[in-house]
Amino acid sequence: MAVATDTEFDVVGFIMRLEGEADDLTQDEVIEGFQYLIDTGMAWSLQGSYGRAAMSLIEQGYCTPPNERAE
């Protein structure tokens, strides 16, 4: 089950899967989900652990800040 479709992203579904079983999401799905949270600014408005995880993924080069995304 992918976390996103071509037309919409299921934020609640992503968070439920992320908070659930650790093996439920692939690395690509985690990166895709956090990139969406970063792009929309939601990573910074959710509880602190999401912002810290997003910053860690940016620092490691897995995700990019929203202003650095290629359009």
PDB file of N, CA and C in Angstrom:
ATOM      1  N   MET A   1       0.837  -1.187   0.000  1.00  0.00           N
ATOM      2  CA  MET A   1       0.000   0.000   0.000  1.00  0.00           C
ATOM      3  C   MET A   1       0.871   1.236   0.000  1.00  0.00           C
ATOM      4  N   ALA A   2       0.813   2.031  -1.017  1.00  0.00           N
ATOM      5  CA  ALA A   2       1.605   3.258  -1.108  1.00  0.00           C
ATOM      6  C   ALA A   2       0.996   4.329  -0.213  1.00  0.00           C
ATOM      7  N   VAL A   3       1.845   5.244   0.290  1.00  0.00           N
ATOM      8  CA  VAL A   3       1.340   6.305   1.153  1.00  0.00           C
ATOM      9  C   VAL A   3       0.735   7.437   0.349  1.00  0.00           C
ATOM     10  N   ALA A   4       1.053   7.553  -0.912  1.00  0.00           N
ATOM     11  CA  ALA A   4       0.539   8.668  -1.715  1.00  0.00           C
ATOM     12  C   ALA A   4       0.005   8.129  -3.037  1.00  0.00           C
ATOM     13  N   THR A   5      -0.907   8.883  -3.602  1.00  0.00           N
ATOM     14  CA  THR A   5      -1.386   8.586  -4.935  1.00  0.00           C
ATOM     15  C   THR A   5      -0.979   9.742  -5.831  1.00  0.00           C
ATOM     16  N   ASP A   6      -1.313   9.657  -7.097  1.00  0.00           N
ATOM     17  CA  ASP A   6      -0.985  10.741  -8.020  1.00  0.00           C
ATOM     18  C   ASP A   6      -1.725  12.030  -7.668  1.00  0.00           C
ATOM     19  N   THR A   7      -2.878  11.932  -7.005  1.00  0.00           N
ATOM     20  CA  THR A   7      -3.681  13.115  -6.779  1.00  0.00           C
ATOM     21  C   THR A   7      -3.721  13.586  -5.332  1.00  0.00           C
ATOM     22  N   GLU A   8      -3.532  12.706  -4.360  1.00  0.00           N
ATOM     23  CA  GLU A   8      -3.604  13.150  -2.983  1.00  0.00           C
ATOM     24  C   GLU A   8      -2.721  12.302  -2.086  1.00  0.00           C
ATOM     25  N   PHE A   9      -2.386  12.866  -0.942  1.00  0.00           N
ATOM     26  CA  PHE A   9      -1.553  12.194   0.042  1.00  0.00           C
ATOM     27  C   PHE A   9      -2.379  11.977   1.294  1.00  0.00           C
ATOM     28  N   ASP A  10      -2.369  10.780   1.832  1.00  0.00           N
ATOM     29  CA  ASP A  10      -3.129  10.434   3.030  1.00  0.00           C
ATOM     30  C   ASP A  10      -2.253  10.669   4.255  1.00  0.00           C
ATOM     31  N   VAL A  11      -2.293  11.892   4.782  1.00  0.00           N
ATOM     32  CA  VAL A  11      -1.460  12.261   5.922  1.00  0.00           C
ATOM     33  C   VAL A  11      -1.800  11.414   7.142  1.00  0.00           C
ATOM     34  N   VAL A  12      -3.077  11.288   7.434  1.00  0.00           N
ATOM     35  CA  VAL A  12      -3.494  10.516   8.609  1.00  0.00           C
ATOM     36  C   VAL A  12      -3.058   9.056   8.459  1.00  0.00           C
ATOM     37  N   GLY A  13      -3.261   8.494   7.283  1.00  0.00           N
ATOM     38  CA  GLY A  13      -2.836   7.115   7.041  1.00  0.00           C
ATOM     39  C   GLY A  13      -1.338   6.948   7.198  1.00  0.00           C
ATOM     40  N   PHE A  14      -0.571   7.908   6.689  1.00  0.00           N
ATOM     41  CA  PHE A  14       0.887   7.858   6.817  1.00  0.00           C
ATOM     42  C   PHE A  14       1.294   7.887   8.284  1.00  0.00           C
ATOM     43  N   ILE A  15       0.718   8.815   9.052  1.00  0.00           N
ATOM     44  CA  ILE A  15       1.087   8.943  10.456  1.00  0.00           C
ATOM     45  C   ILE A  15       0.676   7.693  11.235  1.00  0.00           C
ATOM     46  N   MET A  16      -0.496   7.155  10.946  1.00  0.00           N
ATOM     47  CA  MET A  16      -0.923   5.934  11.636  1.00  0.00           C
ATOM     48  C   MET A  16       0.015   4.776  11.330  1.00  0.00           C
ATOM     49  N   ARG A  17       0.434   4.667  10.086  1.00  0.00           N
ATOM     50  CA  ARG A  17       1.356   3.591   9.720  1.00  0.00           C
ATOM     51  C   ARG A  17       2.729   3.843  10.326  1.00  0.00           C
ATOM     52  N   LEU A  18       3.166   5.096  10.357  1.00  0.00           N
ATOM     53  CA  LEU A  18       4.464   5.436  10.926  1.00  0.00           C
ATOM     54  C   LEU A  18       4.493   5.148  12.424  1.00  0.00           C
ATOM     55  N   GLU A  19       3.409   5.458  13.103  1.00  0.00           N
ATOM     56  CA  GLU A  19       3.317   5.239  14.551  1.00  0.00           C
ATOM     57  C   GLU A  19       3.025   3.777  14.888  1.00  0.00           C
ATOM     58  N   GLY A  20       2.585   3.014  13.902  1.00  0.00           N
ATOM     59  CA  GLY A  20       2.258   1.600  14.117  1.00  0.00           C
ATOM     60  C   GLY A  20       3.498   0.734  13.994  1.00  0.00           C
ATOM     61  N   GLU A  21       3.358  -0.329  13.284  1.00  0.00           N
ATOM     62  CA  GLU A  21       4.458  -1.282  13.116  1.00  0.00           C
ATOM     63  C   GLU A  21       5.605  -0.661  12.338  1.00  0.00           C
ATOM     64  N   ALA A  22       6.802  -0.775  12.862  1.00  0.00           N
ATOM     65  CA  ALA A  22       7.985  -0.175  12.241  1.00  0.00           C
ATOM     66  C   ALA A  22       8.261  -0.762  10.858  1.00  0.00           C
ATOM     67  N   ASP A  23       7.916  -2.014  10.653  1.00  0.00           N
ATOM     68  CA  ASP A  23       8.206  -2.676   9.379  1.00  0.00           C
ATOM     69  C   ASP A  23       7.138  -2.437   8.324  1.00  0.00           C
ATOM     70  N   ASP A  24       6.081  -1.696   8.676  1.00  0.00           N
ATOM     71  CA  ASP A  24       4.958  -1.501   7.772  1.00  0.00           C
ATOM     72  C   ASP A  24       5.297  -0.587   6.592  1.00  0.00           C
ATOM     73  N   LEU A  25       6.176   0.386   6.785  1.00  0.00           N
ATOM     74  CA  LEU A  25       6.550   1.334   5.731  1.00  0.00           C
ATOM     75  C   LEU A  25       7.936   1.019   5.189  1.00  0.00           C
ATOM     76  N   THR A  26       8.090   1.177   3.899  1.00  0.00           N
ATOM     77  CA  THR A  26       9.425   1.044   3.322  1.00  0.00           C
ATOM     78  C   THR A  26      10.188   2.349   3.549  1.00  0.00           C
ATOM     79  N   GLN A  27      11.487   2.314   3.366  1.00  0.00           N
ATOM     80  CA  GLN A  27      12.293   3.524   3.502  1.00  0.00           C
ATOM     81  C   GLN A  27      11.818   4.589   2.517  1.00  0.00           C
ATOM     82  N   ASP A  28      11.507   4.190   1.298  1.00  0.00           N
ATOM     83  CA  ASP A  28      11.022   5.142   0.295  1.00  0.00           C
ATOM     84  C   ASP A  28       9.705   5.785   0.721  1.00  0.00           C
ATOM     85  N   GLU A  29       8.811   5.009   1.333  1.00  0.00           N
ATOM     86  CA  GLU A  29       7.543   5.559   1.795  1.00  0.00           C
ATOM     87  C   GLU A  29       7.746   6.552   2.935  1.00  0.00           C
ATOM     88  N   VAL A  30       8.677   6.249   3.840  1.00  0.00           N
ATOM     89  CA  VAL A  30       8.979   7.171   4.940  1.00  0.00           C
ATOM     90  C   VAL A  30       9.532   8.480   4.383  1.00  0.00           C
ATOM     91  N   ILE A  31      10.460   8.379   3.453  1.00  0.00           N
ATOM     92  CA  ILE A  31      11.053   9.573   2.851  1.00  0.00           C
ATOM     93  C   ILE A  31       9.993  10.367   2.102  1.00  0.00           C
ATOM     94  N   GLU A  32       9.174   9.688   1.319  1.00  0.00           N
ATOM     95  CA  GLU A  32       8.100  10.354   0.578  1.00  0.00           C
ATOM     96  C   GLU A  32       7.131  11.046   1.536  1.00  0.00           C
ATOM     97  N   GLY A  33       6.762  10.367   2.608  1.00  0.00           N
ATOM     98  CA  GLY A  33       5.838  10.938   3.580  1.00  0.00           C
ATOM     99  C   GLY A  33       6.414  12.153   4.277  1.00  0.00           C
ATOM    100  N   PHE A  34       7.664  12.053   4.715  1.00  0.00           N
ATOM    101  CA  PHE A  34       8.272  13.199   5.380  1.00  0.00           C
ATOM    102  C   PHE A  34       8.518  14.345   4.409  1.00  0.00           C
ATOM    103  N   GLN A  35       8.827  14.050   3.150  1.00  0.00           N
ATOM    104  CA  GLN A  35       9.003  15.128   2.181  1.00  0.00           C
ATOM    105  C   GLN A  35       7.689  15.878   2.006  1.00  0.00           C
ATOM    106  N   TYR A  36       6.584  15.157   2.005  1.00  0.00           N
ATOM    107  CA  TYR A  36       5.271  15.814   1.913  1.00  0.00           C
ATOM    108  C   TYR A  36       5.041  16.696   3.133  1.00  0.00           C
ATOM    109  N   LEU A  37       5.332  16.171   4.322  1.00  0.00           N
ATOM    110  CA  LEU A  37       5.159  16.960   5.546  1.00  0.00           C
ATOM    111  C   LEU A  37       6.045  18.202   5.533  1.00  0.00           C
ATOM    112  N   ILE A  38       7.255  18.079   5.012  1.00  0.00           N
ATOM    113  CA  ILE A  38       8.168  19.222   4.901  1.00  0.00           C
ATOM    114  C   ILE A  38       7.618  20.237   3.900  1.00  0.00           C
ATOM    115  N   ASP A  39       7.226  19.760   2.731  1.00  0.00           N
ATOM    116  CA  ASP A  39       6.748  20.653   1.670  1.00  0.00           C
ATOM    117  C   ASP A  39       5.513  21.453   2.085  1.00  0.00           C
ATOM    118  N   THR A  40       4.647  20.835   2.874  1.00  0.00           N
ATOM    119  CA  THR A  40       3.420  21.508   3.286  1.00  0.00           C
ATOM    120  C   THR A  40       3.585  22.297   4.581  1.00  0.00           C
ATOM    121  N   GLY A  41       4.723  22.131   5.255  1.00  0.00           N
ATOM    122  CA  GLY A  41       4.949  22.805   6.530  1.00  0.00           C
ATOM    123  C   GLY A  41       4.376  22.053   7.714  1.00  0.00           C
ATOM    124  N   MET A  42       3.714  20.943   7.448  1.00  0.00           N
ATOM    125  CA  MET A  42       3.098  20.178   8.538  1.00  0.00           C
ATOM    126  C   MET A  42       4.132  19.584   9.481  1.00  0.00           C
ATOM    127  N   ALA A  43       5.330  19.310   8.989  1.00  0.00           N
ATOM    128  CA  ALA A  43       6.370  18.722   9.835  1.00  0.00           C
ATOM    129  C   ALA A  43       6.678  19.616  11.027  1.00  0.00           C
ATOM    130  N   TRP A  44       6.496  20.906  10.861  1.00  0.00           N
ATOM    131  CA  TRP A  44       6.846  21.863  11.916  1.00  0.00           C
ATOM    132  C   TRP A  44       5.661  22.173  12.824  1.00  0.00           C
ATOM    133  N   SER A  45       4.444  21.741  12.446  1.00  0.00           N
ATOM    134  CA  SER A  45       3.283  22.021  13.285  1.00  0.00           C
ATOM    135  C   SER A  45       2.802  20.798  14.059  1.00  0.00           C
ATOM    136  N   LEU A  46       3.304  19.623  13.713  1.00  0.00           N
ATOM    137  CA  LEU A  46       2.986  18.416  14.464  1.00  0.00           C
ATOM    138  C   LEU A  46       3.869  18.357  15.709  1.00  0.00           C
ATOM    139  N   GLN A  47       3.712  17.322  16.506  1.00  0.00           N
ATOM    140  CA  GLN A  47       4.551  17.207  17.699  1.00  0.00           C
ATOM    141  C   GLN A  47       6.032  17.240  17.323  1.00  0.00           C
ATOM    142  N   GLY A  48       6.857  17.634  18.265  1.00  0.00           N
ATOM    143  CA  GLY A  48       8.266  17.898  18.011  1.00  0.00           C
ATOM    144  C   GLY A  48       9.049  16.779  17.363  1.00  0.00           C
ATOM    145  N   SER A  49       8.680  15.533  17.642  1.00  0.00           N
ATOM    146  CA  SER A  49       9.446  14.420  17.076  1.00  0.00           C
ATOM    147  C   SER A  49       9.377  14.405  15.549  1.00  0.00           C
ATOM    148  N   TYR A  50       8.271  14.899  14.971  1.00  0.00           N
ATOM    149  CA  TYR A  50       8.155  14.941  13.513  1.00  0.00           C
ATOM    150  C   TYR A  50       9.101  15.990  12.925  1.00  0.00           C
ATOM    151  N   GLY A  51       9.172  17.136  13.546  1.00  0.00           N
ATOM    152  CA  GLY A  51      10.090  18.172  13.089  1.00  0.00           C
ATOM    153  C   GLY A  51      11.541  17.732  13.209  1.00  0.00           C
ATOM    154  N   ARG A  52      11.865  17.076  14.315  1.00  0.00           N
ATOM    155  CA  ARG A  52      13.237  16.586  14.504  1.00  0.00           C
ATOM    156  C   ARG A  52      13.578  15.508  13.478  1.00  0.00           C
ATOM    157  N   ALA A  53      12.632  14.600  13.224  1.00  0.00           N
ATOM    158  CA  ALA A  53      12.864  13.558  12.217  1.00  0.00           C
ATOM    159  C   ALA A  53      13.016  14.179  10.836  1.00  0.00           C
ATOM    160  N   ALA A  54      12.181  15.181  10.523  1.00  0.00           N
ATOM    161  CA  ALA A  54      12.270  15.852   9.225  1.00  0.00           C
ATOM    162  C   ALA A  54      13.632  16.531   9.074  1.00  0.00           C
ATOM    163  N   MET A  55      14.076  17.230  10.106  1.00  0.00           N
ATOM    164  CA  MET A  55      15.389  17.895  10.038  1.00  0.00           C
ATOM    165  C   MET A  55      16.503  16.875   9.860  1.00  0.00           C
ATOM    166  N   SER A  56      16.399  15.757  10.548  1.00  0.00           N
ATOM    167  CA  SER A  56      17.411  14.708  10.413  1.00  0.00           C
ATOM    168  C   SER A  56      17.455  14.176   8.982  1.00  0.00           C
ATOM    169  N   LEU A  57      16.283  13.953   8.378  1.00  0.00           N
ATOM    170  CA  LEU A  57      16.241  13.464   6.997  1.00  0.00           C
ATOM    171  C   LEU A  57      16.796  14.500   6.023  1.00  0.00           C
ATOM    172  N   ILE A  58      16.560  15.775   6.296  1.00  0.00           N
ATOM    173  CA  ILE A  58      17.131  16.842   5.457  1.00  0.00           C
ATOM    174  C   ILE A  58      18.653  16.851   5.609  1.00  0.00           C
ATOM    175  N   GLU A  59      19.132  16.799   6.840  1.00  0.00           N
ATOM    176  CA  GLU A  59      20.581  16.833   7.094  1.00  0.00           C
ATOM    177  C   GLU A  59      21.293  15.635   6.485  1.00  0.00           C
ATOM    178  N   GLN A  60      20.617  14.487   6.440  1.00  0.00           N
ATOM    179  CA  GLN A  60      21.213  13.284   5.855  1.00  0.00           C
ATOM    180  C   GLN A  60      21.098  13.247   4.336  1.00  0.00           C
ATOM    181  N   GLY A  61      20.363  14.202   3.767  1.00  0.00           N
ATOM    182  CA  GLY A  61      20.242  14.270   2.319  1.00  0.00           C
ATOM    183  C   GLY A  61      19.116  13.439   1.730  1.00  0.00           C
ATOM    184  N   TYR A  62      18.274  12.845   2.569  1.00  0.00           N
ATOM    185  CA  TYR A  62      17.153  12.058   2.065  1.00  0.00           C
ATOM    186  C   TYR A  62      15.994  12.949   1.625  1.00  0.00           C
ATOM    187  N   CYS A  63      15.809  14.068   2.320  1.00  0.00           N
ATOM    188  CA  CYS A  63      14.746  15.022   1.992  1.00  0.00           C
ATOM    189  C   CYS A  63      15.383  16.387   1.763  1.00  0.00           C
ATOM    190  N   THR A  64      14.629  17.261   1.134  1.00  0.00           N
ATOM    191  CA  THR A  64      15.115  18.609   0.885  1.00  0.00           C
ATOM    192  C   THR A  64      14.146  19.624   1.483  1.00  0.00           C
ATOM    193  N   PRO A  65      14.658  20.790   1.887  1.00  0.00           N
ATOM    194  CA  PRO A  65      13.748  21.844   2.317  1.00  0.00           C
ATOM    195  C   PRO A  65      12.824  22.205   1.163  1.00  0.00           C
ATOM    196  N   PRO A  66      11.627  22.689   1.448  1.00  0.00           N
ATOM    197  CA  PRO A  66      10.662  22.956   0.369  1.00  0.00           C
ATOM    198  C   PRO A  66      11.150  23.945  -0.664  1.00  0.00           C
ATOM    199  N   ASN A  67      11.985  24.910  -0.285  1.00  0.00           N
ATOM    200  CA  ASN A  67      12.454  25.903  -1.251  1.00  0.00           C
ATOM    201  C   ASN A  67      13.563  25.360  -2.154  1.00  0.00           C
ATOM    202  N   GLU A  68      14.028  24.148  -1.897  1.00  0.00           N
ATOM    203  CA  GLU A  68      15.085  23.559  -2.738  1.00  0.00           C
ATOM    204  C   GLU A  68      14.572  22.455  -3.643  1.00  0.00           C
ATOM    205  N   ARG A  69      13.271  22.214  -3.639  1.00  0.00           N
ATOM    206  CA  ARG A  69      12.703  21.166  -4.479  1.00  0.00           C
ATOM    207  C   ARG A  69      12.706  21.577  -5.934  1.00  0.00           C
ATOM    208  N   ALA A  70      13.043  20.654  -6.805  1.00  0.00           N
ATOM    209  CA  ALA A  70      12.964  20.914  -8.250  1.00  0.00           C
ATOM    210  C   ALA A  70      11.504  20.851  -8.656  1.00  0.00           C
ATOM    211  N   GLU A  71      11.046  21.816  -9.359  1.00  0.00           N
ATOM    212  CA  GLU A  71       9.650  21.863  -9.817  1.00  0.00           C
ATOM    213  C   GLU A  71       9.532  21.209 -11.159  1.00  0.00           C
TER     214      GLU A  71
END
